[in-house]
Amino acid sequence: MRSLVAEDDATNRLLLKSFLSRYGECDVALNGKQAVEAVNTARQRSCAYDLVCMDLGMPELDGQLAIREIRKHESIDGALKATRIIVTTAHSDMESITTALLGRCDAYLVKPINIGKLSHELKKLGLVA
């Protein structure tokens, strides 16, 4: 599994990268703009990410807009397989959750990150056994 952690907090970034690296290559992006660029570049190079863990509250481009941009580019490019996106955020309000789900994220986890819940979501999405 190839994954990208889009997270501006160093502690959360380290936790997610450490966990996801067990399953394969894991890159990081410090903001939403870097995340969109990384996903698009990977897809153009035929080494698309299987998973993006996306924080919502990030500088330059927030996670909600980053998700929409990723999905827009997948649609334009005619991507055969959409990248799985799990929102990992401190935003637990219904508006944030609804907006992310309407933006076509695949799962929504509220921080602090619970590795058991993340593992469960990876299994539900068919990314790990």
N, C-alpha and C. Protein backbone atom coordinates (compact mmCIF):
# COMPACT_ATOMS: atom_id res chain seq x y z
N MET A 1 0.86 -1.18 0.00
CA MET A 1 0.00 0.00 0.00
C MET A 1 0.90 1.24 0.00
N ARG A 2 0.60 2.16 -0.85
CA ARG A 2 1.32 3.42 -0.93
C ARG A 2 0.43 4.50 -0.34
N SER A 3 0.94 5.25 0.65
CA SER A 3 0.10 6.21 1.34
C SER A 3 0.76 7.57 1.47
N LEU A 4 -0.08 8.57 1.72
CA LEU A 4 0.34 9.95 1.93
C LEU A 4 -0.35 10.47 3.18
N VAL A 5 0.42 11.06 4.07
CA VAL A 5 -0.12 11.70 5.26
C VAL A 5 -0.06 13.21 5.03
N ALA A 6 -1.22 13.85 4.99
CA ALA A 6 -1.31 15.31 4.84
C ALA A 6 -1.67 15.88 6.20
N GLU A 7 -0.67 16.38 6.89
CA GLU A 7 -0.84 16.78 8.30
C GLU A 7 0.18 17.85 8.64
N ASP A 8 -0.28 18.97 9.24
CA ASP A 8 0.65 20.03 9.60
C ASP A 8 1.22 19.88 11.01
N ASP A 9 0.65 19.02 11.83
CA ASP A 9 1.15 18.80 13.19
C ASP A 9 2.19 17.68 13.18
N ALA A 10 3.39 17.98 13.67
CA ALA A 10 4.51 17.02 13.61
C ALA A 10 4.23 15.74 14.37
N THR A 11 3.59 15.82 15.52
CA THR A 11 3.31 14.62 16.32
C THR A 11 2.34 13.69 15.60
N ASN A 12 1.25 14.25 15.10
CA ASN A 12 0.28 13.43 14.36
C ASN A 12 0.88 12.87 13.08
N ARG A 13 1.69 13.68 12.42
CA ARG A 13 2.36 13.24 11.20
C ARG A 13 3.25 12.03 11.48
N LEU A 14 4.03 12.11 12.56
CA LEU A 14 4.93 11.02 12.94
C LEU A 14 4.16 9.76 13.30
N LEU A 15 3.09 9.90 14.07
CA LEU A 15 2.26 8.76 14.46
C LEU A 15 1.68 8.06 13.24
N LEU A 16 1.08 8.81 12.35
CA LEU A 16 0.46 8.22 11.15
C LEU A 16 1.49 7.61 10.22
N LYS A 17 2.59 8.32 10.00
CA LYS A 17 3.63 7.79 9.12
C LYS A 17 4.22 6.50 9.69
N SER A 18 4.48 6.48 10.98
CA SER A 18 5.04 5.29 11.62
C SER A 18 4.10 4.09 11.46
N PHE A 19 2.81 4.31 11.68
CA PHE A 19 1.84 3.22 11.56
C PHE A 19 1.69 2.77 10.11
N LEU A 20 1.51 3.70 9.19
CA LEU A 20 1.25 3.35 7.80
C LEU A 20 2.47 2.76 7.10
N SER A 21 3.66 3.10 7.56
CA SER A 21 4.89 2.57 6.96
C SER A 21 5.00 1.06 7.11
N ARG A 22 4.27 0.48 8.04
CA ARG A 22 4.24 -0.98 8.20
C ARG A 22 3.68 -1.66 6.94
N TYR A 23 2.86 -0.92 6.21
CA TYR A 23 2.15 -1.50 5.06
C TYR A 23 2.77 -1.12 3.71
N GLY A 24 3.81 -0.29 3.74
CA GLY A 24 4.45 0.12 2.49
C GLY A 24 4.94 1.54 2.56
N GLU A 25 5.26 2.08 1.41
CA GLU A 25 5.80 3.43 1.32
C GLU A 25 4.79 4.46 1.83
N CYS A 26 5.28 5.40 2.63
CA CYS A 26 4.42 6.46 3.17
C CYS A 26 5.14 7.80 3.05
N ASP A 27 4.53 8.73 2.33
CA ASP A 27 5.07 10.07 2.16
C ASP A 27 4.27 11.04 3.03
N VAL A 28 4.79 12.27 3.17
CA VAL A 28 4.08 13.28 3.96
C VAL A 28 3.95 14.58 3.16
N ALA A 29 2.89 15.31 3.48
CA ALA A 29 2.66 16.66 2.96
C ALA A 29 2.32 17.53 4.16
N LEU A 30 2.86 18.73 4.19
CA LEU A 30 2.68 19.60 5.34
C LEU A 30 1.44 20.49 5.25
N ASN A 31 0.80 20.50 4.09
CA ASN A 31 -0.41 21.30 3.92
C ASN A 31 -1.23 20.73 2.76
N GLY A 32 -2.42 21.25 2.59
CA GLY A 32 -3.31 20.75 1.55
C GLY A 32 -2.80 20.95 0.14
N LYS A 33 -2.11 22.05 -0.10
CA LYS A 33 -1.57 22.33 -1.43
C LYS A 33 -0.53 21.27 -1.79
N GLN A 34 0.37 20.96 -0.86
CA GLN A 34 1.38 19.92 -1.10
C GLN A 34 0.72 18.56 -1.32
N ALA A 35 -0.36 18.30 -0.59
CA ALA A 35 -1.06 17.01 -0.73
C ALA A 35 -1.63 16.87 -2.13
N VAL A 36 -2.31 17.89 -2.62
CA VAL A 36 -2.89 17.85 -3.97
C VAL A 36 -1.80 17.65 -5.01
N GLU A 37 -0.71 18.40 -4.88
CA GLU A 37 0.40 18.27 -5.82
C GLU A 37 1.00 16.87 -5.79
N ALA A 38 1.19 16.32 -4.59
CA ALA A 38 1.77 14.97 -4.46
C ALA A 38 0.87 13.92 -5.09
N VAL A 39 -0.44 14.00 -4.84
CA VAL A 39 -1.38 13.03 -5.40
C VAL A 39 -1.40 13.13 -6.92
N ASN A 40 -1.44 14.34 -7.46
CA ASN A 40 -1.47 14.52 -8.91
C ASN A 40 -0.17 14.05 -9.56
N THR A 41 0.95 14.37 -8.96
CA THR A 41 2.24 13.94 -9.50
C THR A 41 2.36 12.42 -9.49
N ALA A 42 1.96 11.81 -8.39
CA ALA A 42 2.03 10.35 -8.29
C ALA A 42 1.17 9.68 -9.36
N ARG A 43 -0.04 10.21 -9.57
CA ARG A 43 -0.93 9.64 -10.57
C ARG A 43 -0.34 9.80 -11.98
N GLN A 44 0.25 10.95 -12.27
CA GLN A 44 0.86 11.18 -13.58
C GLN A 44 2.04 10.26 -13.82
N ARG A 45 2.72 9.86 -12.75
CA ARG A 45 3.88 8.96 -12.87
C ARG A 45 3.49 7.50 -12.75
N SER A 46 2.20 7.21 -12.77
CA SER A 46 1.67 5.85 -12.68
C SER A 46 2.07 5.13 -11.39
N CYS A 47 2.18 5.89 -10.31
CA CYS A 47 2.43 5.29 -9.00
C CYS A 47 1.51 5.95 -7.97
N ALA A 48 0.22 5.92 -8.29
CA ALA A 48 -0.80 6.60 -7.49
C ALA A 48 -0.81 6.11 -6.05
N TYR A 49 -1.24 6.98 -5.16
CA TYR A 49 -1.41 6.61 -3.75
C TYR A 49 -2.67 5.77 -3.62
N ASP A 50 -2.59 4.77 -2.77
CA ASP A 50 -3.77 3.98 -2.42
C ASP A 50 -4.58 4.69 -1.36
N LEU A 51 -3.88 5.45 -0.50
CA LEU A 51 -4.52 6.08 0.65
C LEU A 51 -3.93 7.46 0.90
N VAL A 52 -4.81 8.40 1.26
CA VAL A 52 -4.39 9.69 1.78
C VAL A 52 -5.09 9.88 3.12
N CYS A 53 -4.32 10.16 4.16
CA CYS A 53 -4.88 10.57 5.45
C CYS A 53 -4.81 12.09 5.47
N MET A 54 -5.97 12.74 5.51
CA MET A 54 -6.06 14.19 5.30
C MET A 54 -6.57 14.90 6.54
N ASP A 55 -5.74 15.78 7.08
CA ASP A 55 -6.19 16.69 8.14
C ASP A 55 -7.04 17.77 7.48
N LEU A 56 -7.98 18.32 8.22
CA LEU A 56 -8.82 19.38 7.63
C LEU A 56 -8.25 20.77 7.87
N GLY A 57 -7.72 21.00 9.07
CA GLY A 57 -7.24 22.34 9.42
C GLY A 57 -5.77 22.53 9.10
N MET A 58 -5.49 22.82 7.83
CA MET A 58 -4.10 23.00 7.41
C MET A 58 -3.91 24.34 6.71
N PRO A 59 -2.66 24.83 6.70
CA PRO A 59 -2.39 26.09 6.00
C PRO A 59 -2.38 25.92 4.49
N GLU A 60 -2.42 27.04 3.80
CA GLU A 60 -2.36 27.17 2.34
C GLU A 60 -3.59 26.65 1.61
N LEU A 61 -4.03 25.45 1.94
CA LEU A 61 -5.25 24.89 1.36
C LEU A 61 -5.79 23.91 2.38
N ASP A 62 -6.99 24.19 2.91
CA ASP A 62 -7.49 23.29 3.95
C ASP A 62 -7.86 21.92 3.36
N GLY A 63 -8.03 20.96 4.24
CA GLY A 63 -8.28 19.59 3.81
C GLY A 63 -9.56 19.42 3.00
N GLN A 64 -10.60 20.15 3.34
CA GLN A 64 -11.87 20.05 2.58
C GLN A 64 -11.64 20.43 1.11
N LEU A 65 -10.94 21.55 0.91
CA LEU A 65 -10.67 21.99 -0.47
C LEU A 65 -9.70 21.04 -1.16
N ALA A 66 -8.74 20.52 -0.42
CA ALA A 66 -7.77 19.58 -0.99
C ALA A 66 -8.48 18.31 -1.48
N ILE A 67 -9.42 17.81 -0.70
CA ILE A 67 -10.19 16.62 -1.11
C ILE A 67 -10.94 16.91 -2.40
N ARG A 68 -11.61 18.06 -2.45
CA ARG A 68 -12.35 18.42 -3.67
C ARG A 68 -11.43 18.51 -4.88
N GLU A 69 -10.25 19.09 -4.69
CA GLU A 69 -9.28 19.20 -5.79
C GLU A 69 -8.81 17.83 -6.26
N ILE A 70 -8.51 16.95 -5.31
CA ILE A 70 -8.07 15.59 -5.66
C ILE A 70 -9.15 14.88 -6.46
N ARG A 71 -10.38 14.94 -5.99
CA ARG A 71 -11.49 14.29 -6.69
C ARG A 71 -11.74 14.91 -8.06
N LYS A 72 -11.59 16.23 -8.17
CA LYS A 72 -11.78 16.91 -9.46
C LYS A 72 -10.73 16.43 -10.46
N HIS A 73 -9.48 16.35 -10.03
CA HIS A 73 -8.41 15.89 -10.92
C HIS A 73 -8.60 14.43 -11.31
N GLU A 74 -9.06 13.61 -10.38
CA GLU A 74 -9.33 12.21 -10.72
C GLU A 74 -10.40 12.12 -11.80
N SER A 75 -11.42 12.95 -11.68
CA SER A 75 -12.51 12.96 -12.66
C SER A 75 -12.01 13.43 -14.02
N ILE A 76 -11.23 14.49 -14.03
CA ILE A 76 -10.70 15.02 -15.28
C ILE A 76 -9.77 14.01 -15.95
N ASP A 77 -8.92 13.37 -15.14
CA ASP A 77 -7.95 12.40 -15.67
C ASP A 77 -8.58 11.06 -16.02
N GLY A 78 -9.82 10.86 -15.58
CA GLY A 78 -10.46 9.57 -15.81
C GLY A 78 -9.80 8.44 -15.04
N ALA A 79 -9.40 8.74 -13.80
CA ALA A 79 -8.73 7.74 -12.97
C ALA A 79 -9.61 6.50 -12.84
N LEU A 80 -9.02 5.35 -13.11
CA LEU A 80 -9.76 4.10 -13.03
C LEU A 80 -10.08 3.73 -11.59
N LYS A 81 -9.21 4.12 -10.67
CA LYS A 81 -9.38 3.78 -9.26
C LYS A 81 -9.16 5.04 -8.43
N ALA A 82 -10.16 5.45 -7.69
CA ALA A 82 -10.04 6.64 -6.86
C ALA A 82 -9.15 6.34 -5.66
N THR A 83 -8.36 7.33 -5.28
CA THR A 83 -7.55 7.23 -4.08
C THR A 83 -8.47 7.21 -2.87
N ARG A 84 -8.23 6.32 -1.94
CA ARG A 84 -9.01 6.28 -0.70
C ARG A 84 -8.54 7.43 0.19
N ILE A 85 -9.49 8.19 0.72
CA ILE A 85 -9.15 9.32 1.58
C ILE A 85 -9.83 9.14 2.93
N ILE A 86 -8.99 9.12 3.98
CA ILE A 86 -9.50 9.08 5.35
C ILE A 86 -9.19 10.43 5.98
N VAL A 87 -10.22 11.13 6.39
CA VAL A 87 -10.04 12.39 7.10
C VAL A 87 -9.59 12.07 8.52
N THR A 88 -8.52 12.74 8.95
CA THR A 88 -8.02 12.60 10.32
C THR A 88 -7.94 14.01 10.89
N THR A 89 -8.88 14.36 11.75
CA THR A 89 -9.01 15.76 12.15
C THR A 89 -9.55 15.91 13.56
N ALA A 90 -9.36 17.09 14.12
CA ALA A 90 -9.94 17.42 15.42
C ALA A 90 -11.36 17.97 15.26
N HIS A 91 -11.79 18.25 14.03
CA HIS A 91 -13.12 18.80 13.77
C HIS A 91 -14.17 17.70 13.92
N SER A 92 -14.94 17.77 14.98
CA SER A 92 -15.96 16.75 15.22
C SER A 92 -17.39 17.27 15.02
N ASP A 93 -17.52 18.49 14.52
CA ASP A 93 -18.85 19.07 14.30
C ASP A 93 -19.51 18.46 13.07
N MET A 94 -20.81 18.42 13.09
CA MET A 94 -21.58 17.78 12.03
C MET A 94 -21.36 18.43 10.67
N GLU A 95 -21.17 19.75 10.64
CA GLU A 95 -20.95 20.44 9.36
C GLU A 95 -19.65 19.96 8.70
N SER A 96 -18.58 19.84 9.48
CA SER A 96 -17.30 19.36 8.93
C SER A 96 -17.41 17.93 8.43
N ILE A 97 -18.08 17.10 9.21
CA ILE A 97 -18.25 15.69 8.82
C ILE A 97 -19.06 15.59 7.54
N THR A 98 -20.18 16.29 7.49
CA THR A 98 -21.05 16.25 6.31
C THR A 98 -20.33 16.78 5.07
N THR A 99 -19.62 17.90 5.23
CA THR A 99 -18.89 18.47 4.09
C THR A 99 -17.85 17.51 3.57
N ALA A 100 -17.12 16.85 4.46
CA ALA A 100 -16.09 15.89 4.04
C ALA A 100 -16.71 14.69 3.32
N LEU A 101 -17.80 14.19 3.85
CA LEU A 101 -18.46 13.04 3.22
C LEU A 101 -19.04 13.42 1.86
N LEU A 102 -19.62 14.61 1.76
CA LEU A 102 -20.14 15.08 0.47
C LEU A 102 -18.99 15.34 -0.51
N GLY A 103 -17.81 15.67 0.03
CA GLY A 103 -16.64 15.87 -0.80
C GLY A 103 -16.00 14.56 -1.22
N ARG A 104 -16.61 13.46 -0.79
CA ARG A 104 -16.23 12.11 -1.19
C ARG A 104 -14.99 11.57 -0.49
N CYS A 105 -14.87 11.89 0.82
CA CYS A 105 -13.86 11.17 1.59
C CYS A 105 -14.44 9.78 1.85
N ASP A 106 -13.59 8.83 2.17
CA ASP A 106 -14.04 7.45 2.37
C ASP A 106 -14.29 7.11 3.83
N ALA A 107 -13.67 7.86 4.74
CA ALA A 107 -13.86 7.63 6.17
C ALA A 107 -13.48 8.91 6.91
N TYR A 108 -13.93 9.01 8.15
CA TYR A 108 -13.72 10.21 8.95
C TYR A 108 -13.35 9.80 10.36
N LEU A 109 -12.14 10.13 10.79
CA LEU A 109 -11.68 9.81 12.14
C LEU A 109 -11.35 11.10 12.88
N VAL A 110 -11.85 11.19 14.12
CA VAL A 110 -11.61 12.38 14.95
C VAL A 110 -10.39 12.13 15.83
N LYS A 111 -9.52 13.14 15.89
CA LYS A 111 -8.33 13.07 16.74
C LYS A 111 -8.74 13.17 18.21
N PRO A 112 -7.96 12.59 19.09
CA PRO A 112 -6.67 11.95 18.85
C PRO A 112 -6.85 10.65 18.06
N ILE A 113 -5.89 10.39 17.18
CA ILE A 113 -5.97 9.21 16.31
C ILE A 113 -5.91 7.94 17.16
N ASN A 114 -6.88 7.09 16.94
CA ASN A 114 -6.92 5.78 17.58
C ASN A 114 -6.47 4.78 16.53
N ILE A 115 -5.31 4.16 16.76
CA ILE A 115 -4.73 3.24 15.78
C ILE A 115 -5.67 2.06 15.51
N GLY A 116 -6.39 1.60 16.51
CA GLY A 116 -7.35 0.51 16.32
C GLY A 116 -8.44 0.90 15.33
N LYS A 117 -8.97 2.12 15.47
CA LYS A 117 -10.00 2.60 14.56
C LYS A 117 -9.44 2.80 13.15
N LEU A 118 -8.23 3.32 13.06
CA LEU A 118 -7.61 3.51 11.76
C LEU A 118 -7.39 2.16 11.09
N SER A 119 -6.91 1.19 11.83
CA SER A 119 -6.70 -0.16 11.29
C SER A 119 -8.02 -0.75 10.80
N HIS A 120 -9.09 -0.54 11.57
CA HIS A 120 -10.42 -1.03 11.19
C HIS A 120 -10.87 -0.40 9.87
N GLU A 121 -10.65 0.91 9.72
CA GLU A 121 -11.04 1.59 8.48
C GLU A 121 -10.22 1.09 7.29
N LEU A 122 -8.94 0.84 7.49
CA LEU A 122 -8.10 0.31 6.41
C LEU A 122 -8.62 -1.05 5.95
N LYS A 123 -9.05 -1.87 6.89
CA LYS A 123 -9.61 -3.18 6.55
C LYS A 123 -10.95 -3.02 5.82
N LYS A 124 -11.82 -2.13 6.32
CA LYS A 124 -13.11 -1.89 5.68
C LYS A 124 -12.94 -1.41 4.23
N LEU A 125 -11.91 -0.62 4.00
CA LEU A 125 -11.67 -0.09 2.65
C LEU A 125 -10.93 -1.08 1.77
N GLY A 126 -10.57 -2.23 2.32
CA GLY A 126 -9.89 -3.26 1.53
C GLY A 126 -8.42 -2.94 1.25
N LEU A 127 -7.84 -2.07 2.05
CA LEU A 127 -6.45 -1.69 1.83
C LEU A 127 -5.47 -2.63 2.53
N VAL A 128 -5.91 -3.25 3.61
CA VAL A 128 -5.07 -4.24 4.31
C VAL A 128 -5.95 -5.43 4.67
N ALA A 129 -5.29 -6.54 4.93
CA ALA A 129 -6.04 -7.77 5.28
C ALA A 129 -6.34 -7.81 6.77
